Amino acid sequence: MSETDSKIEIESITSPHRTERVDRARYMAMREALLPVLPDTAPGITVAEAKAEVLERLSEDVFPGGAKAGWWLKAVQLDLEAKGLIARGSTKPVRLYRCKA
């Protein structure tokens, strides 16, 4: 895999029109762990609840001992929100759910 293939460009709902290149394997692992744990309807689950469920699904090879999982969860969350795949509920604390396609 080339250097270009090992990176993926992500967005952030908080910084429109700005992208960041990050590790593709870690991004995809977190995305694949996050999406199935999010409900299909608002208000959704809290980020803390999502993190607890995601940690059980993450590969030890990619996230040994859950290292850096919090940062990656936030990066993937903001990217998926920017892409319209997930959304925040209107309650506090922040609650996440999948958007209907």
PDB file of N, CA and C in Angstrom:
ATOM      1  N   MET A   1       0.854  -1.183   0.000  1.00  0.00           N
ATOM      2  CA  MET A   1       0.000   0.000   0.000  1.00  0.00           C
ATOM      3  C   MET A   1       0.891   1.235   0.000  1.00  0.00           C
ATOM      4  N   SER A   2       0.615   2.161  -0.900  1.00  0.00           N
ATOM      5  CA  SER A   2       1.409   3.379  -0.981  1.00  0.00           C
ATOM      6  C   SER A   2       1.018   4.334   0.144  1.00  0.00           C
ATOM      7  N   GLU A   3       1.838   5.352   0.326  1.00  0.00           N
ATOM      8  CA  GLU A   3       1.547   6.374   1.343  1.00  0.00           C
ATOM      9  C   GLU A   3       0.193   7.018   1.081  1.00  0.00           C
ATOM     10  N   THR A   4      -0.135   7.246  -0.187  1.00  0.00           N
ATOM     11  CA  THR A   4      -1.413   7.853  -0.548  1.00  0.00           C
ATOM     12  C   THR A   4      -2.572   6.951  -0.160  1.00  0.00           C
ATOM     13  N   ASP A   5      -2.425   5.634  -0.387  1.00  0.00           N
ATOM     14  CA  ASP A   5      -3.480   4.690  -0.065  1.00  0.00           C
ATOM     15  C   ASP A   5      -3.670   4.518   1.437  1.00  0.00           C
ATOM     16  N   SER A   6      -2.620   4.759   2.216  1.00  0.00           N
ATOM     17  CA  SER A   6      -2.707   4.539   3.657  1.00  0.00           C
ATOM     18  C   SER A   6      -3.355   5.717   4.383  1.00  0.00           C
ATOM     19  N   LYS A   7      -3.676   6.788   3.656  1.00  0.00           N
ATOM     20  CA  LYS A   7      -4.315   7.972   4.241  1.00  0.00           C
ATOM     21  C   LYS A   7      -5.697   8.167   3.644  1.00  0.00           C
ATOM     22  N   ILE A   8      -6.552   8.829   4.408  1.00  0.00           N
ATOM     23  CA  ILE A   8      -7.890   9.172   3.942  1.00  0.00           C
ATOM     24  C   ILE A   8      -8.147  10.626   4.321  1.00  0.00           C
ATOM     25  N   GLU A   9      -8.856  11.339   3.476  1.00  0.00           N
ATOM     26  CA  GLU A   9      -9.163  12.736   3.742  1.00  0.00           C
ATOM     27  C   GLU A   9     -10.496  12.819   4.476  1.00  0.00           C
ATOM     28  N   ILE A  10     -10.505  13.503   5.611  1.00  0.00           N
ATOM     29  CA  ILE A  10     -11.730  13.651   6.395  1.00  0.00           C
ATOM     30  C   ILE A  10     -12.088  15.122   6.531  1.00  0.00           C
ATOM     31  N   GLU A  11     -13.360  15.348   6.844  1.00  0.00           N
ATOM     32  CA  GLU A  11     -13.892  16.694   7.047  1.00  0.00           C
ATOM     33  C   GLU A  11     -14.292  16.849   8.508  1.00  0.00           C
ATOM     34  N   SER A  12     -14.723  18.043   8.849  1.00  0.00           N
ATOM     35  CA  SER A  12     -15.256  18.288  10.186  1.00  0.00           C
ATOM     36  C   SER A  12     -16.435  19.236  10.073  1.00  0.00           C
ATOM     37  N   ILE A  13     -17.518  18.890  10.728  1.00  0.00           N
ATOM     38  CA  ILE A  13     -18.692  19.766  10.716  1.00  0.00           C
ATOM     39  C   ILE A  13     -18.387  21.103  11.381  1.00  0.00           C
ATOM     40  N   THR A  14     -17.385  21.144  12.248  1.00  0.00           N
ATOM     41  CA  THR A  14     -17.047  22.383  12.947  1.00  0.00           C
ATOM     42  C   THR A  14     -16.113  23.288  12.149  1.00  0.00           C
ATOM     43  N   SER A  15     -15.470  22.755  11.104  1.00  0.00           N
ATOM     44  CA  SER A  15     -14.564  23.539  10.250  1.00  0.00           C
ATOM     45  C   SER A  15     -14.876  23.264   8.786  1.00  0.00           C
ATOM     46  N   PRO A  16     -15.972  23.822   8.287  1.00  0.00           N
ATOM     47  CA  PRO A  16     -16.349  23.575   6.890  1.00  0.00           C
ATOM     48  C   PRO A  16     -15.227  23.959   5.918  1.00  0.00           C
ATOM     49  N   HIS A  17     -15.122  23.220   4.849  1.00  0.00           N
ATOM     50  CA  HIS A  17     -14.156  23.468   3.764  1.00  0.00           C
ATOM     51  C   HIS A  17     -12.716  23.175   4.166  1.00  0.00           C
ATOM     52  N   ARG A  18     -12.512  22.582   5.312  1.00  0.00           N
ATOM     53  CA  ARG A  18     -11.163  22.205   5.739  1.00  0.00           C
ATOM     54  C   ARG A  18     -11.113  20.684   5.820  1.00  0.00           C
ATOM     55  N   THR A  19     -10.061  20.103   5.270  1.00  0.00           N
ATOM     56  CA  THR A  19      -9.905  18.654   5.339  1.00  0.00           C
ATOM     57  C   THR A  19      -8.585  18.316   6.013  1.00  0.00           C
ATOM     58  N   GLU A  20      -8.503  17.091   6.474  1.00  0.00           N
ATOM     59  CA  GLU A  20      -7.315  16.587   7.154  1.00  0.00           C
ATOM     60  C   GLU A  20      -7.050  15.185   6.618  1.00  0.00           C
ATOM     61  N   ARG A  21      -5.786  14.844   6.440  1.00  0.00           N
ATOM     62  CA  ARG A  21      -5.436  13.486   6.002  1.00  0.00           C
ATOM     63  C   ARG A  21      -5.035  12.678   7.229  1.00  0.00           C
ATOM     64  N   VAL A  22      -5.685  11.533   7.404  1.00  0.00           N
ATOM     65  CA  VAL A  22      -5.434  10.690   8.578  1.00  0.00           C
ATOM     66  C   VAL A  22      -5.236   9.243   8.142  1.00  0.00           C
ATOM     67  N   ASP A  23      -4.807   8.423   9.060  1.00  0.00           N
ATOM     68  CA  ASP A  23      -4.566   7.009   8.808  1.00  0.00           C
ATOM     69  C   ASP A  23      -5.864   6.294   8.416  1.00  0.00           C
ATOM     70  N   ARG A  24      -5.862   5.693   7.229  1.00  0.00           N
ATOM     71  CA  ARG A  24      -7.048   5.028   6.697  1.00  0.00           C
ATOM     72  C   ARG A  24      -7.475   3.832   7.564  1.00  0.00           C
ATOM     73  N   ALA A  25      -6.542   3.010   7.999  1.00  0.00           N
ATOM     74  CA  ALA A  25      -6.886   1.807   8.769  1.00  0.00           C
ATOM     75  C   ALA A  25      -7.577   2.169  10.081  1.00  0.00           C
ATOM     76  N   ARG A  26      -7.052   3.151  10.782  1.00  0.00           N
ATOM     77  CA  ARG A  26      -7.664   3.553  12.055  1.00  0.00           C
ATOM     78  C   ARG A  26      -9.026   4.211  11.833  1.00  0.00           C
ATOM     79  N   TYR A  27      -9.103   5.057  10.814  1.00  0.00           N
ATOM     80  CA  TYR A  27     -10.380   5.708  10.506  1.00  0.00           C
ATOM     81  C   TYR A  27     -11.448   4.655  10.195  1.00  0.00           C
ATOM     82  N   MET A  28     -11.133   3.725   9.304  1.00  0.00           N
ATOM     83  CA  MET A  28     -12.121   2.725   8.886  1.00  0.00           C
ATOM     84  C   MET A  28     -12.505   1.808  10.046  1.00  0.00           C
ATOM     85  N   ALA A  29     -11.527   1.452  10.877  1.00  0.00           N
ATOM     86  CA  ALA A  29     -11.827   0.596  12.035  1.00  0.00           C
ATOM     87  C   ALA A  29     -12.801   1.298  12.975  1.00  0.00           C
ATOM     88  N   MET A  30     -12.579   2.595  13.225  1.00  0.00           N
ATOM     89  CA  MET A  30     -13.467   3.337  14.122  1.00  0.00           C
ATOM     90  C   MET A  30     -14.833   3.526  13.473  1.00  0.00           C
ATOM     91  N   ARG A  31     -14.869   3.840  12.204  1.00  0.00           N
ATOM     92  CA  ARG A  31     -16.148   4.027  11.503  1.00  0.00           C
ATOM     93  C   ARG A  31     -16.972   2.740  11.538  1.00  0.00           C
ATOM     94  N   GLU A  32     -16.322   1.613  11.262  1.00  0.00           N
ATOM     95  CA  GLU A  32     -17.020   0.325  11.257  1.00  0.00           C
ATOM     96  C   GLU A  32     -17.485  -0.087  12.646  1.00  0.00           C
ATOM     97  N   ALA A  33     -16.806   0.401  13.682  1.00  0.00           N
ATOM     98  CA  ALA A  33     -17.233   0.112  15.056  1.00  0.00           C
ATOM     99  C   ALA A  33     -18.340   1.068  15.500  1.00  0.00           C
ATOM    100  N   LEU A  34     -18.300   2.305  15.043  1.00  0.00           N
ATOM    101  CA  LEU A  34     -19.249   3.326  15.503  1.00  0.00           C
ATOM    102  C   LEU A  34     -20.631   3.201  14.870  1.00  0.00           C
ATOM    103  N   LEU A  35     -20.700   3.107  13.573  1.00  0.00           N
ATOM    104  CA  LEU A  35     -22.005   3.145  12.901  1.00  0.00           C
ATOM    105  C   LEU A  35     -22.999   2.103  13.417  1.00  0.00           C
ATOM    106  N   PRO A  36     -22.600   0.853  13.640  1.00  0.00           N
ATOM    107  CA  PRO A  36     -23.589  -0.121  14.115  1.00  0.00           C
ATOM    108  C   PRO A  36     -24.126   0.127  15.525  1.00  0.00           C
ATOM    109  N   VAL A  37     -23.397   0.881  16.348  1.00  0.00           N
ATOM    110  CA  VAL A  37     -23.863   1.105  17.721  1.00  0.00           C
ATOM    111  C   VAL A  37     -24.817   2.290  17.824  1.00  0.00           C
ATOM    112  N   LEU A  38     -24.873   3.113  16.790  1.00  0.00           N
ATOM    113  CA  LEU A  38     -25.752   4.279  16.833  1.00  0.00           C
ATOM    114  C   LEU A  38     -27.169   3.901  16.432  1.00  0.00           C
ATOM    115  N   PRO A  39     -28.157   4.389  17.184  1.00  0.00           N
ATOM    116  CA  PRO A  39     -29.550   4.115  16.819  1.00  0.00           C
ATOM    117  C   PRO A  39     -29.951   4.904  15.574  1.00  0.00           C
ATOM    118  N   ASP A  40     -31.059   4.480  14.975  1.00  0.00           N
ATOM    119  CA  ASP A  40     -31.562   5.117  13.755  1.00  0.00           C
ATOM    120  C   ASP A  40     -32.444   6.330  14.021  1.00  0.00           C
ATOM    121  N   THR A  41     -32.717   6.627  15.276  1.00  0.00           N
ATOM    122  CA  THR A  41     -33.624   7.729  15.587  1.00  0.00           C
ATOM    123  C   THR A  41     -33.055   8.628  16.686  1.00  0.00           C
ATOM    124  N   ALA A  42     -33.511   9.876  16.655  1.00  0.00           N
ATOM    125  CA  ALA A  42     -33.153  10.825  17.711  1.00  0.00           C
ATOM    126  C   ALA A  42     -33.884  10.411  18.977  1.00  0.00           C
ATOM    127  N   PRO A  43     -33.420  10.688  20.151  1.00  0.00           N
ATOM    128  CA  PRO A  43     -32.288  11.555  20.395  1.00  0.00           C
ATOM    129  C   PRO A  43     -30.937  10.858  20.257  1.00  0.00           C
ATOM    130  N   GLY A  44     -30.877   9.542  20.150  1.00  0.00           N
ATOM    131  CA  GLY A  44     -29.610   8.844  20.000  1.00  0.00           C
ATOM    132  C   GLY A  44     -28.992   8.471  21.334  1.00  0.00           C
ATOM    133  N   ILE A  45     -27.709   8.139  21.288  1.00  0.00           N
ATOM    134  CA  ILE A  45     -26.969   7.787  22.506  1.00  0.00           C
ATOM    135  C   ILE A  45     -25.871   8.820  22.725  1.00  0.00           C
ATOM    136  N   THR A  46     -25.440   8.947  23.977  1.00  0.00           N
ATOM    137  CA  THR A  46     -24.390   9.910  24.289  1.00  0.00           C
ATOM    138  C   THR A  46     -23.062   9.434  23.698  1.00  0.00           C
ATOM    139  N   VAL A  47     -22.152  10.366  23.552  1.00  0.00           N
ATOM    140  CA  VAL A  47     -20.825  10.030  23.051  1.00  0.00           C
ATOM    141  C   VAL A  47     -20.156   9.043  24.012  1.00  0.00           C
ATOM    142  N   ALA A  48     -20.341   9.230  25.317  1.00  0.00           N
ATOM    143  CA  ALA A  48     -19.761   8.313  26.302  1.00  0.00           C
ATOM    144  C   ALA A  48     -20.327   6.901  26.137  1.00  0.00           C
ATOM    145  N   GLU A  49     -21.634   6.795  25.909  1.00  0.00           N
ATOM    146  CA  GLU A  49     -22.242   5.478  25.675  1.00  0.00           C
ATOM    147  C   GLU A  49     -21.705   4.858  24.394  1.00  0.00           C
ATOM    148  N   ALA A  50     -21.577   5.680  23.353  1.00  0.00           N
ATOM    149  CA  ALA A  50     -21.038   5.187  22.090  1.00  0.00           C
ATOM    150  C   ALA A  50     -19.607   4.698  22.281  1.00  0.00           C
ATOM    151  N   LYS A  51     -18.802   5.463  23.024  1.00  0.00           N
ATOM    152  CA  LYS A  51     -17.407   5.076  23.237  1.00  0.00           C
ATOM    153  C   LYS A  51     -17.310   3.749  23.979  1.00  0.00           C
ATOM    154  N   ALA A  52     -18.143   3.558  24.989  1.00  0.00           N
ATOM    155  CA  ALA A  52     -18.117   2.302  25.746  1.00  0.00           C
ATOM    156  C   ALA A  52     -18.417   1.119  24.826  1.00  0.00           C
ATOM    157  N   GLU A  53     -19.390   1.275  23.943  1.00  0.00           N
ATOM    158  CA  GLU A  53     -19.739   0.186  23.022  1.00  0.00           C
ATOM    159  C   GLU A  53     -18.683   0.002  21.942  1.00  0.00           C
ATOM    160  N   VAL A  54     -18.130   1.094  21.462  1.00  0.00           N
ATOM    161  CA  VAL A  54     -17.115   1.038  20.414  1.00  0.00           C
ATOM    162  C   VAL A  54     -15.860   0.333  20.923  1.00  0.00           C
ATOM    163  N   LEU A  55     -15.459   0.617  22.156  1.00  0.00           N
ATOM    164  CA  LEU A  55     -14.247   0.003  22.710  1.00  0.00           C
ATOM    165  C   LEU A  55     -14.312  -1.519  22.687  1.00  0.00           C
ATOM    166  N   GLU A  56     -15.507  -2.071  22.856  1.00  0.00           N
ATOM    167  CA  GLU A  56     -15.671  -3.526  22.823  1.00  0.00           C
ATOM    168  C   GLU A  56     -15.504  -4.090  21.418  1.00  0.00           C
ATOM    169  N   ARG A  57     -15.677  -3.263  20.403  1.00  0.00           N
ATOM    170  CA  ARG A  57     -15.645  -3.705  19.006  1.00  0.00           C
ATOM    171  C   ARG A  57     -14.308  -3.471  18.307  1.00  0.00           C
ATOM    172  N   LEU A  58     -13.444  -2.674  18.895  1.00  0.00           N
ATOM    173  CA  LEU A  58     -12.199  -2.297  18.231  1.00  0.00           C
ATOM    174  C   LEU A  58     -11.159  -3.411  18.264  1.00  0.00           C
ATOM    175  N   SER A  59     -10.420  -3.531  17.189  1.00  0.00           N
ATOM    176  CA  SER A  59      -9.342  -4.502  17.076  1.00  0.00           C
ATOM    177  C   SER A  59      -8.169  -4.092  17.964  1.00  0.00           C
ATOM    178  N   GLU A  60      -7.643  -5.046  18.681  1.00  0.00           N
ATOM    179  CA  GLU A  60      -6.451  -4.793  19.504  1.00  0.00           C
ATOM    180  C   GLU A  60      -5.247  -4.481  18.623  1.00  0.00           C
ATOM    181  N   ASP A  61      -5.253  -4.982  17.398  1.00  0.00           N
ATOM    182  CA  ASP A  61      -4.145  -4.713  16.483  1.00  0.00           C
ATOM    183  C   ASP A  61      -4.098  -3.235  16.090  1.00  0.00           C
ATOM    184  N   VAL A  62      -5.260  -2.646  15.893  1.00  0.00           N
ATOM    185  CA  VAL A  62      -5.330  -1.257  15.445  1.00  0.00           C
ATOM    186  C   VAL A  62      -5.347  -0.288  16.623  1.00  0.00           C
ATOM    187  N   PHE A  63      -6.045  -0.657  17.687  1.00  0.00           N
ATOM    188  CA  PHE A  63      -6.161   0.187  18.888  1.00  0.00           C
ATOM    189  C   PHE A  63      -5.771  -0.626  20.123  1.00  0.00           C
ATOM    190  N   PRO A  64      -4.471  -0.888  20.322  1.00  0.00           N
ATOM    191  CA  PRO A  64      -4.060  -1.691  21.480  1.00  0.00           C
ATOM    192  C   PRO A  64      -4.489  -1.050  22.805  1.00  0.00           C
ATOM    193  N   GLY A  65      -5.283  -1.792  23.563  1.00  0.00           N
ATOM    194  CA  GLY A  65      -5.774  -1.286  24.843  1.00  0.00           C
ATOM    195  C   GLY A  65      -6.689  -0.087  24.711  1.00  0.00           C
ATOM    196  N   GLY A  66      -7.236   0.140  23.518  1.00  0.00           N
ATOM    197  CA  GLY A  66      -8.108   1.287  23.294  1.00  0.00           C
ATOM    198  C   GLY A  66      -7.351   2.600  23.158  1.00  0.00           C
ATOM    199  N   ALA A  67      -6.020   2.510  22.974  1.00  0.00           N
ATOM    200  CA  ALA A  67      -5.195   3.717  22.879  1.00  0.00           C
ATOM    201  C   ALA A  67      -5.673   4.626  21.758  1.00  0.00           C
ATOM    202  N   LYS A  68      -5.815   5.898  22.071  1.00  0.00           N
ATOM    203  CA  LYS A  68      -6.220   6.945  21.136  1.00  0.00           C
ATOM    204  C   LYS A  68      -7.643   6.787  20.600  1.00  0.00           C
ATOM    205  N   ALA A  69      -8.422   5.880  21.157  1.00  0.00           N
ATOM    206  CA  ALA A  69      -9.786   5.648  20.665  1.00  0.00           C
ATOM    207  C   ALA A  69     -10.654   6.887  20.818  1.00  0.00           C
ATOM    208  N   GLY A  70     -10.480   7.648  21.870  1.00  0.00           N
ATOM    209  CA  GLY A  70     -11.284   8.852  22.081  1.00  0.00           C
ATOM    210  C   GLY A  70     -11.057   9.882  20.988  1.00  0.00           C
ATOM    211  N   TRP A  71      -9.796  10.085  20.609  1.00  0.00           N
ATOM    212  CA  TRP A  71      -9.478  11.043  19.550  1.00  0.00           C
ATOM    213  C   TRP A  71     -10.083  10.579  18.236  1.00  0.00           C
ATOM    214  N   TRP A  72      -9.913   9.296  17.924  1.00  0.00           N
ATOM    215  CA  TRP A  72     -10.433   8.758  16.666  1.00  0.00           C
ATOM    216  C   TRP A  72     -11.955   8.764  16.642  1.00  0.00           C
ATOM    217  N   LEU A  73     -12.582   8.497  17.769  1.00  0.00           N
ATOM    218  CA  LEU A  73     -14.046   8.555  17.829  1.00  0.00           C
ATOM    219  C   LEU A  73     -14.519   9.967  17.478  1.00  0.00           C
ATOM    220  N   LYS A  74     -13.897  10.980  18.045  1.00  0.00           N
ATOM    221  CA  LYS A  74     -14.290  12.364  17.766  1.00  0.00           C
ATOM    222  C   LYS A  74     -14.024  12.716  16.305  1.00  0.00           C
ATOM    223  N   ALA A  75     -12.873  12.328  15.763  1.00  0.00           N
ATOM    224  CA  ALA A  75     -12.543  12.626  14.365  1.00  0.00           C
ATOM    225  C   ALA A  75     -13.558  11.987  13.419  1.00  0.00           C
ATOM    226  N   VAL A  76     -13.890  10.728  13.663  1.00  0.00           N
ATOM    227  CA  VAL A  76     -14.857  10.030  12.810  1.00  0.00           C
ATOM    228  C   VAL A  76     -16.248  10.632  12.996  1.00  0.00           C
ATOM    229  N   GLN A  77     -16.617  10.936  14.235  1.00  0.00           N
ATOM    230  CA  GLN A  77     -17.919  11.561  14.504  1.00  0.00           C
ATOM    231  C   GLN A  77     -18.072  12.847  13.705  1.00  0.00           C
ATOM    232  N   LEU A  78     -17.094  13.745  13.785  1.00  0.00           N
ATOM    233  CA  LEU A  78     -17.188  15.028  13.098  1.00  0.00           C
ATOM    234  C   LEU A  78     -17.210  14.864  11.583  1.00  0.00           C
ATOM    235  N   ASP A  79     -16.451  13.888  11.070  1.00  0.00           N
ATOM    236  CA  ASP A  79     -16.444  13.619   9.635  1.00  0.00           C
ATOM    237  C   ASP A  79     -17.799  13.085   9.175  1.00  0.00           C
ATOM    238  N   LEU A  80     -18.350  12.129   9.911  1.00  0.00           N
ATOM    239  CA  LEU A  80     -19.642  11.553   9.528  1.00  0.00           C
ATOM    240  C   LEU A  80     -20.766  12.580   9.655  1.00  0.00           C
ATOM    241  N   GLU A  81     -20.663  13.480  10.620  1.00  0.00           N
ATOM    242  CA  GLU A  81     -21.647  14.567  10.719  1.00  0.00           C
ATOM    243  C   GLU A  81     -21.527  15.489   9.496  1.00  0.00           C
ATOM    244  N   ALA A  82     -20.307  15.824   9.107  1.00  0.00           N
ATOM    245  CA  ALA A  82     -20.094  16.689   7.948  1.00  0.00           C
ATOM    246  C   ALA A  82     -20.642  16.056   6.675  1.00  0.00           C
ATOM    247  N   LYS A  83     -20.573  14.745   6.588  1.00  0.00           N
ATOM    248  CA  LYS A  83     -21.053  14.014   5.412  1.00  0.00           C
ATOM    249  C   LYS A  83     -22.559  13.719   5.487  1.00  0.00           C
ATOM    250  N   GLY A  84     -23.190  14.049   6.621  1.00  0.00           N
ATOM    251  CA  GLY A  84     -24.625  13.833   6.770  1.00  0.00           C
ATOM    252  C   GLY A  84     -25.020  12.396   7.046  1.00  0.00           C
ATOM    253  N   LEU A  85     -24.066  11.570   7.487  1.00  0.00           N
ATOM    254  CA  LEU A  85     -24.366  10.167   7.790  1.00  0.00           C
ATOM    255  C   LEU A  85     -24.847   9.969   9.218  1.00  0.00           C
ATOM    256  N   ILE A  86     -24.421  10.849  10.114  1.00  0.00           N
ATOM    257  CA  ILE A  86     -24.922  10.830  11.484  1.00  0.00           C
ATOM    258  C   ILE A  86     -25.302  12.253  11.866  1.00  0.00           C
ATOM    259  N   ALA A  87     -26.079  12.381  12.935  1.00  0.00           N
ATOM    260  CA  ALA A  87     -26.519  13.700  13.393  1.00  0.00           C
ATOM    261  C   ALA A  87     -26.545  13.732  14.916  1.00  0.00           C
ATOM    262  N   ARG A  88     -26.635  14.938  15.449  1.00  0.00           N
ATOM    263  CA  ARG A  88     -26.753  15.144  16.893  1.00  0.00           C
ATOM    264  C   ARG A  88     -28.213  15.339  17.243  1.00  0.00           C
ATOM    265  N   GLY A  89     -28.613  14.735  18.353  1.00  0.00           N
ATOM    266  CA  GLY A  89     -29.939  15.009  18.880  1.00  0.00           C
ATOM    267  C   GLY A  89     -29.958  16.411  19.451  1.00  0.00           C
ATOM    268  N   SER A  90     -31.121  16.910  19.790  1.00  0.00           N
ATOM    269  CA  SER A  90     -31.242  18.290  20.267  1.00  0.00           C
ATOM    270  C   SER A  90     -31.080  18.427  21.783  1.00  0.00           C
ATOM    271  N   THR A  91     -30.762  17.340  22.469  1.00  0.00           N
ATOM    272  CA  THR A  91     -30.631  17.387  23.926  1.00  0.00           C
ATOM    273  C   THR A  91     -29.176  17.498  24.353  1.00  0.00           C
ATOM    274  N   LYS A  92     -28.967  17.821  25.603  1.00  0.00           N
ATOM    275  CA  LYS A  92     -27.636  17.842  26.215  1.00  0.00           C
ATOM    276  C   LYS A  92     -27.556  16.668  27.175  1.00  0.00           C
ATOM    277  N   PRO A  93     -26.427  15.978  27.313  1.00  0.00           N
ATOM    278  CA  PRO A  93     -25.232  16.129  26.511  1.00  0.00           C
ATOM    279  C   PRO A  93     -25.452  15.677  25.067  1.00  0.00           C
ATOM    280  N   VAL A  94     -24.435  15.897  24.242  1.00  0.00           N
ATOM    281  CA  VAL A  94     -24.531  15.522  22.824  1.00  0.00           C
ATOM    282  C   VAL A  94     -24.906  14.051  22.697  1.00  0.00           C
ATOM    283  N   ARG A  95     -25.909  13.791  21.875  1.00  0.00           N
ATOM    284  CA  ARG A  95     -26.363  12.442  21.587  1.00  0.00           C
ATOM    285  C   ARG A  95     -26.308  12.250  20.084  1.00  0.00           C
ATOM    286  N   LEU A  96     -25.861  11.085  19.649  1.00  0.00           N
ATOM    287  CA  LEU A  96     -25.660  10.806  18.227  1.00  0.00           C
ATOM    288  C   LEU A  96     -26.597   9.731  17.734  1.00  0.00           C
ATOM    289  N   TYR A  97     -26.997   9.847  16.472  1.00  0.00           N
ATOM    290  CA  TYR A  97     -27.803   8.805  15.826  1.00  0.00           C
ATOM    291  C   TYR A  97     -27.499   8.821  14.330  1.00  0.00           C
ATOM    292  N   ARG A  98     -27.792   7.694  13.682  1.00  0.00           N
ATOM    293  CA  ARG A  98     -27.594   7.589  12.231  1.00  0.00           C
ATOM    294  C   ARG A  98     -28.703   8.310  11.498  1.00  0.00           C
ATOM    295  N   CYS A  99     -28.356   8.930  10.399  1.00  0.00           N
ATOM    296  CA  CYS A  99     -29.350   9.574   9.536  1.00  0.00           C
ATOM    297  C   CYS A  99     -29.927   8.533   8.579  1.00  0.00           C
ATOM    298  N   LYS A 100     -31.160   8.717   8.231  1.00  0.00           N
ATOM    299  CA  LYS A 100     -31.771   7.813   7.272  1.00  0.00           C
ATOM    300  C   LYS A 100     -31.253   8.164   5.882  1.00  0.00           C
ATOM    301  N   ALA A 101     -30.941   7.135   5.121  1.00  0.00           N
ATOM    302  CA  ALA A 101     -30.389   7.354   3.769  1.00  0.00           C
ATOM    303  C   ALA A 101     -31.475   7.749   2.795  1.00  0.00           C
TER     304      ALA A 101
END
